[in-house]
Amino acid sequence: MKSIAVISALALASMASVGEAAERSVTLDVPGMYCEMCPVTVSKALKKVNGVERVKASARRLLRLHPLRAADALQLGAALAWADGAPEGLIVHTFDRRLAAAAEREGFRVIPSP
């Protein structure tokens, strides 16, 4: 088995603040991938996942506006992408107070309320 390096679509999740948020490389062990083209193939496939860039852009904006951790910004960014930018009437379930407050300010209904 060959270890391959790919750009992580969720690299922001391991960052603590907006100043540290950036893409980074991660190494994945993928069983059965032995050829020299495997890393290129996997990297291209990850970059083509629908919505990844939209979620990352939304997470960056959320990190600038709210006191969120990067993983929480990604979660809320994914919810905003799912809501197609119109979260009014949609519900976010969380016990995280910072995430709940940010979700409410972004227009979601939060259960339980913060």
N, C-alpha and C. Protein backbone atom coordinates (compact mmCIF):
# COMPACT_ATOMS: atom_id res chain seq x y z
N MET A 1 0.85 -1.18 0.00
CA MET A 1 0.00 0.00 0.00
C MET A 1 0.89 1.24 0.00
N LYS A 2 0.52 2.21 -0.80
CA LYS A 2 1.29 3.45 -0.91
C LYS A 2 0.56 4.56 -0.16
N SER A 3 1.31 5.34 0.58
CA SER A 3 0.72 6.52 1.22
C SER A 3 0.67 7.62 0.18
N ILE A 4 -0.44 8.33 0.13
CA ILE A 4 -0.58 9.40 -0.85
C ILE A 4 -0.87 10.71 -0.13
N ALA A 5 -0.36 11.78 -0.67
CA ALA A 5 -0.62 13.11 -0.11
C ALA A 5 -1.67 13.79 -0.97
N VAL A 6 -2.66 14.36 -0.35
CA VAL A 6 -3.72 15.08 -1.06
C VAL A 6 -4.01 16.37 -0.33
N ILE A 7 -4.61 17.30 -1.03
CA ILE A 7 -5.06 18.54 -0.40
C ILE A 7 -6.37 18.25 0.31
N SER A 8 -6.43 18.55 1.55
CA SER A 8 -7.63 18.29 2.33
C SER A 8 -8.65 19.40 2.11
N ALA A 9 -9.85 19.00 1.73
CA ALA A 9 -10.93 19.97 1.55
C ALA A 9 -11.37 20.52 2.89
N LEU A 10 -11.07 19.80 3.94
CA LEU A 10 -11.48 20.25 5.27
C LEU A 10 -10.29 20.63 6.13
N ALA A 11 -9.24 21.12 5.52
CA ALA A 11 -8.04 21.48 6.26
C ALA A 11 -8.31 22.57 7.28
N LEU A 12 -9.30 23.39 7.05
CA LEU A 12 -9.63 24.44 8.00
C LEU A 12 -10.02 23.88 9.35
N ALA A 13 -10.50 22.65 9.37
CA ALA A 13 -11.00 22.07 10.61
C ALA A 13 -9.93 21.95 11.68
N SER A 14 -8.68 21.85 11.32
CA SER A 14 -7.64 21.70 12.32
C SER A 14 -7.04 23.04 12.74
N MET A 15 -7.54 24.12 12.24
CA MET A 15 -6.99 25.43 12.56
C MET A 15 -7.78 26.06 13.70
N ALA A 16 -7.14 26.86 14.49
CA ALA A 16 -7.78 27.45 15.66
C ALA A 16 -8.40 28.81 15.38
N SER A 17 -7.88 29.56 14.42
CA SER A 17 -8.41 30.90 14.19
C SER A 17 -8.31 31.25 12.72
N VAL A 18 -8.93 32.36 12.38
CA VAL A 18 -8.92 32.80 10.99
C VAL A 18 -7.51 33.07 10.50
N GLY A 19 -6.65 33.55 11.34
CA GLY A 19 -5.28 33.85 10.94
C GLY A 19 -4.51 32.60 10.59
N GLU A 20 -4.89 31.45 11.17
CA GLU A 20 -4.21 30.22 10.90
C GLU A 20 -4.88 29.41 9.80
N ALA A 21 -6.09 29.76 9.41
CA ALA A 21 -6.85 28.97 8.45
C ALA A 21 -6.20 29.01 7.08
N ALA A 22 -5.91 27.83 6.56
CA ALA A 22 -5.31 27.70 5.25
C ALA A 22 -5.40 26.24 4.82
N GLU A 23 -5.25 26.01 3.54
CA GLU A 23 -5.20 24.63 3.08
C GLU A 23 -3.88 24.02 3.48
N ARG A 24 -3.87 22.72 3.69
CA ARG A 24 -2.64 22.02 4.00
C ARG A 24 -2.72 20.64 3.40
N SER A 25 -1.61 19.99 3.30
CA SER A 25 -1.57 18.63 2.78
C SER A 25 -1.73 17.64 3.92
N VAL A 26 -2.42 16.55 3.64
CA VAL A 26 -2.53 15.45 4.59
C VAL A 26 -2.14 14.18 3.86
N THR A 27 -1.74 13.18 4.60
CA THR A 27 -1.38 11.90 4.01
C THR A 27 -2.44 10.88 4.36
N LEU A 28 -2.96 10.21 3.35
CA LEU A 28 -3.97 9.17 3.53
C LEU A 28 -3.40 7.83 3.08
N ASP A 29 -3.70 6.78 3.83
CA ASP A 29 -3.36 5.44 3.38
C ASP A 29 -4.59 4.88 2.68
N VAL A 30 -4.46 4.61 1.40
CA VAL A 30 -5.58 4.12 0.60
C VAL A 30 -5.25 2.71 0.13
N PRO A 31 -5.93 1.70 0.68
CA PRO A 31 -5.65 0.33 0.27
C PRO A 31 -5.88 0.13 -1.23
N GLY A 32 -4.99 -0.60 -1.85
CA GLY A 32 -5.15 -0.94 -3.26
C GLY A 32 -4.70 0.13 -4.24
N MET A 33 -4.18 1.23 -3.80
CA MET A 33 -3.73 2.28 -4.71
C MET A 33 -2.21 2.23 -4.77
N TYR A 34 -1.70 1.67 -5.86
CA TYR A 34 -0.27 1.41 -5.96
C TYR A 34 0.44 2.21 -7.05
N CYS A 35 -0.29 2.67 -8.06
CA CYS A 35 0.38 3.30 -9.20
C CYS A 35 0.78 4.74 -8.89
N GLU A 36 1.64 5.29 -9.73
CA GLU A 36 2.12 6.66 -9.54
C GLU A 36 1.03 7.70 -9.81
N MET A 37 -0.02 7.33 -10.54
CA MET A 37 -1.11 8.27 -10.85
C MET A 37 -2.16 8.32 -9.74
N CYS A 38 -2.12 7.40 -8.80
CA CYS A 38 -3.12 7.36 -7.75
C CYS A 38 -3.23 8.67 -6.97
N PRO A 39 -2.13 9.26 -6.51
CA PRO A 39 -2.25 10.53 -5.78
C PRO A 39 -2.90 11.62 -6.60
N VAL A 40 -2.57 11.70 -7.87
CA VAL A 40 -3.15 12.72 -8.75
C VAL A 40 -4.64 12.47 -8.90
N THR A 41 -5.02 11.22 -9.11
CA THR A 41 -6.43 10.87 -9.29
C THR A 41 -7.25 11.21 -8.06
N VAL A 42 -6.76 10.85 -6.88
CA VAL A 42 -7.49 11.13 -5.65
C VAL A 42 -7.58 12.63 -5.41
N SER A 43 -6.50 13.35 -5.61
CA SER A 43 -6.49 14.79 -5.41
C SER A 43 -7.50 15.49 -6.32
N LYS A 44 -7.51 15.10 -7.59
CA LYS A 44 -8.47 15.70 -8.53
C LYS A 44 -9.90 15.38 -8.12
N ALA A 45 -10.14 14.15 -7.68
CA ALA A 45 -11.48 13.76 -7.27
C ALA A 45 -11.96 14.57 -6.08
N LEU A 46 -11.09 14.78 -5.11
CA LEU A 46 -11.48 15.56 -3.93
C LEU A 46 -11.81 17.01 -4.30
N LYS A 47 -11.08 17.56 -5.25
CA LYS A 47 -11.32 18.94 -5.64
C LYS A 47 -12.64 19.11 -6.41
N LYS A 48 -13.17 18.00 -6.96
CA LYS A 48 -14.40 18.06 -7.74
C LYS A 48 -15.66 17.82 -6.92
N VAL A 49 -15.52 17.57 -5.63
CA VAL A 49 -16.69 17.33 -4.80
C VAL A 49 -17.55 18.59 -4.79
N ASN A 50 -18.80 18.43 -5.17
CA ASN A 50 -19.71 19.57 -5.25
C ASN A 50 -19.84 20.28 -3.91
N GLY A 51 -19.72 21.58 -3.94
CA GLY A 51 -19.97 22.39 -2.77
C GLY A 51 -18.79 22.64 -1.86
N VAL A 52 -17.68 21.95 -2.06
CA VAL A 52 -16.55 22.10 -1.14
C VAL A 52 -16.05 23.54 -1.12
N GLU A 53 -15.83 24.12 -2.28
CA GLU A 53 -15.32 25.50 -2.33
C GLU A 53 -16.34 26.48 -1.74
N ARG A 54 -17.61 26.23 -1.98
CA ARG A 54 -18.66 27.10 -1.43
C ARG A 54 -18.67 27.02 0.09
N VAL A 55 -18.54 25.82 0.63
CA VAL A 55 -18.53 25.65 2.09
C VAL A 55 -17.28 26.30 2.68
N LYS A 56 -16.14 26.12 2.04
CA LYS A 56 -14.90 26.73 2.55
C LYS A 56 -14.99 28.25 2.53
N ALA A 57 -15.54 28.83 1.47
CA ALA A 57 -15.69 30.28 1.39
C ALA A 57 -16.64 30.78 2.48
N SER A 58 -17.72 30.05 2.68
CA SER A 58 -18.67 30.42 3.73
C SER A 58 -18.03 30.31 5.10
N ALA A 59 -17.23 29.26 5.33
CA ALA A 59 -16.55 29.08 6.61
C ALA A 59 -15.57 30.22 6.88
N ARG A 60 -14.86 30.65 5.85
CA ARG A 60 -13.94 31.79 6.03
C ARG A 60 -14.70 33.04 6.45
N ARG A 61 -15.83 33.29 5.80
CA ARG A 61 -16.66 34.45 6.15
C ARG A 61 -17.16 34.33 7.59
N LEU A 62 -17.63 33.14 7.95
CA LEU A 62 -18.15 32.92 9.30
C LEU A 62 -17.07 33.12 10.35
N LEU A 63 -15.86 32.71 10.05
CA LEU A 63 -14.76 32.90 11.01
C LEU A 63 -14.43 34.37 11.21
N ARG A 64 -14.62 35.18 10.16
CA ARG A 64 -14.39 36.62 10.30
C ARG A 64 -15.49 37.29 11.13
N LEU A 65 -16.71 36.77 11.06
CA LEU A 65 -17.86 37.43 11.68
C LEU A 65 -18.23 36.91 13.07
N HIS A 66 -17.88 35.68 13.37
CA HIS A 66 -18.33 35.05 14.61
C HIS A 66 -17.15 34.41 15.35
N PRO A 67 -17.23 34.31 16.67
CA PRO A 67 -16.15 33.68 17.44
C PRO A 67 -16.26 32.15 17.41
N LEU A 68 -16.11 31.57 16.23
CA LEU A 68 -16.25 30.13 16.04
C LEU A 68 -14.89 29.45 15.92
N ARG A 69 -14.86 28.16 16.23
CA ARG A 69 -13.72 27.33 15.89
C ARG A 69 -13.87 26.95 14.41
N ALA A 70 -12.78 26.62 13.79
CA ALA A 70 -12.81 26.34 12.35
C ALA A 70 -13.77 25.21 12.00
N ALA A 71 -13.77 24.14 12.79
CA ALA A 71 -14.66 23.01 12.49
C ALA A 71 -16.12 23.43 12.59
N ASP A 72 -16.44 24.29 13.56
CA ASP A 72 -17.81 24.79 13.69
C ASP A 72 -18.18 25.68 12.51
N ALA A 73 -17.22 26.49 12.04
CA ALA A 73 -17.47 27.33 10.87
C ALA A 73 -17.73 26.46 9.64
N LEU A 74 -17.00 25.36 9.51
CA LEU A 74 -17.25 24.45 8.39
C LEU A 74 -18.63 23.81 8.49
N GLN A 75 -19.01 23.43 9.70
CA GLN A 75 -20.33 22.82 9.89
C GLN A 75 -21.43 23.82 9.54
N LEU A 76 -21.31 25.04 10.04
CA LEU A 76 -22.31 26.06 9.74
C LEU A 76 -22.27 26.45 8.27
N GLY A 77 -21.08 26.50 7.69
CA GLY A 77 -20.95 26.78 6.26
C GLY A 77 -21.64 25.72 5.42
N ALA A 78 -21.52 24.46 5.83
CA ALA A 78 -22.20 23.37 5.12
C ALA A 78 -23.71 23.50 5.25
N ALA A 79 -24.17 23.89 6.44
CA ALA A 79 -25.61 24.10 6.64
C ALA A 79 -26.12 25.24 5.76
N LEU A 80 -25.34 26.31 5.66
CA LEU A 80 -25.74 27.43 4.79
C LEU A 80 -25.76 27.02 3.33
N ALA A 81 -24.81 26.20 2.92
CA ALA A 81 -24.80 25.71 1.54
C ALA A 81 -26.03 24.84 1.29
N TRP A 82 -26.35 23.96 2.24
CA TRP A 82 -27.53 23.11 2.12
C TRP A 82 -28.80 23.96 2.04
N ALA A 83 -28.82 25.06 2.81
CA ALA A 83 -29.98 25.95 2.81
C ALA A 83 -30.01 26.86 1.59
N ASP A 84 -28.99 26.76 0.77
CA ASP A 84 -28.85 27.59 -0.44
C ASP A 84 -28.91 29.08 -0.08
N GLY A 85 -28.29 29.41 1.07
CA GLY A 85 -28.19 30.81 1.48
C GLY A 85 -29.45 31.39 2.08
N ALA A 86 -30.50 30.57 2.25
CA ALA A 86 -31.77 31.05 2.82
C ALA A 86 -32.16 30.18 4.01
N PRO A 87 -31.51 30.39 5.18
CA PRO A 87 -31.74 29.51 6.32
C PRO A 87 -33.01 29.77 7.13
N GLU A 88 -33.74 30.81 6.80
CA GLU A 88 -34.92 31.17 7.58
C GLU A 88 -35.88 29.98 7.64
N GLY A 89 -36.26 29.62 8.87
CA GLY A 89 -37.19 28.52 9.07
C GLY A 89 -36.52 27.15 9.19
N LEU A 90 -35.24 27.06 8.87
CA LEU A 90 -34.53 25.79 8.99
C LEU A 90 -33.90 25.69 10.37
N ILE A 91 -33.72 24.47 10.84
CA ILE A 91 -33.29 24.24 12.22
C ILE A 91 -31.89 23.67 12.26
N VAL A 92 -31.08 24.20 13.19
CA VAL A 92 -29.77 23.66 13.51
C VAL A 92 -29.87 23.12 14.94
N HIS A 93 -29.46 21.86 15.11
CA HIS A 93 -29.43 21.24 16.44
C HIS A 93 -27.99 21.28 16.95
N THR A 94 -27.77 21.93 18.08
CA THR A 94 -26.44 21.97 18.66
C THR A 94 -26.52 22.34 20.14
N PHE A 95 -25.55 21.82 20.90
CA PHE A 95 -25.40 22.23 22.30
C PHE A 95 -24.23 23.20 22.45
N ASP A 96 -23.54 23.47 21.38
CA ASP A 96 -22.40 24.40 21.40
C ASP A 96 -22.94 25.82 21.38
N ARG A 97 -22.66 26.58 22.42
CA ARG A 97 -23.24 27.93 22.53
C ARG A 97 -22.75 28.88 21.45
N ARG A 98 -21.45 28.83 21.13
CA ARG A 98 -20.92 29.72 20.09
C ARG A 98 -21.53 29.39 18.73
N LEU A 99 -21.61 28.10 18.43
CA LEU A 99 -22.21 27.68 17.16
C LEU A 99 -23.68 28.06 17.11
N ALA A 100 -24.38 27.86 18.22
CA ALA A 100 -25.80 28.20 18.27
C ALA A 100 -26.02 29.70 18.04
N ALA A 101 -25.22 30.53 18.70
CA ALA A 101 -25.37 31.98 18.55
C ALA A 101 -25.08 32.41 17.11
N ALA A 102 -24.04 31.84 16.52
CA ALA A 102 -23.71 32.18 15.13
C ALA A 102 -24.80 31.72 14.19
N ALA A 103 -25.32 30.52 14.41
CA ALA A 103 -26.39 29.99 13.56
C ALA A 103 -27.63 30.87 13.63
N GLU A 104 -27.97 31.33 14.83
CA GLU A 104 -29.12 32.23 14.97
C GLU A 104 -28.88 33.54 14.24
N ARG A 105 -27.68 34.10 14.38
CA ARG A 105 -27.37 35.36 13.69
C ARG A 105 -27.38 35.18 12.18
N GLU A 106 -27.10 33.97 11.71
CA GLU A 106 -27.13 33.71 10.27
C GLU A 106 -28.54 33.42 9.77
N GLY A 107 -29.52 33.32 10.69
CA GLY A 107 -30.91 33.16 10.29
C GLY A 107 -31.53 31.80 10.57
N PHE A 108 -30.79 30.85 11.13
CA PHE A 108 -31.33 29.54 11.46
C PHE A 108 -32.11 29.60 12.76
N ARG A 109 -33.02 28.70 12.93
CA ARG A 109 -33.65 28.46 14.22
C ARG A 109 -32.79 27.41 14.92
N VAL A 110 -32.47 27.59 16.19
CA VAL A 110 -31.56 26.69 16.89
C VAL A 110 -32.30 25.94 17.98
N ILE A 111 -32.06 24.64 18.04
CA ILE A 111 -32.63 23.78 19.09
C ILE A 111 -31.48 23.05 19.75
N PRO A 112 -31.34 23.03 21.04
CA PRO A 112 -32.03 23.92 21.96
C PRO A 112 -31.53 25.35 21.80
N SER A 113 -32.35 26.29 22.20
CA SER A 113 -31.95 27.70 22.02
C SER A 113 -30.77 28.02 22.93
N PRO A 114 -29.87 28.92 22.46
CA PRO A 114 -28.67 29.24 23.25
C PRO A 114 -28.97 29.96 24.55
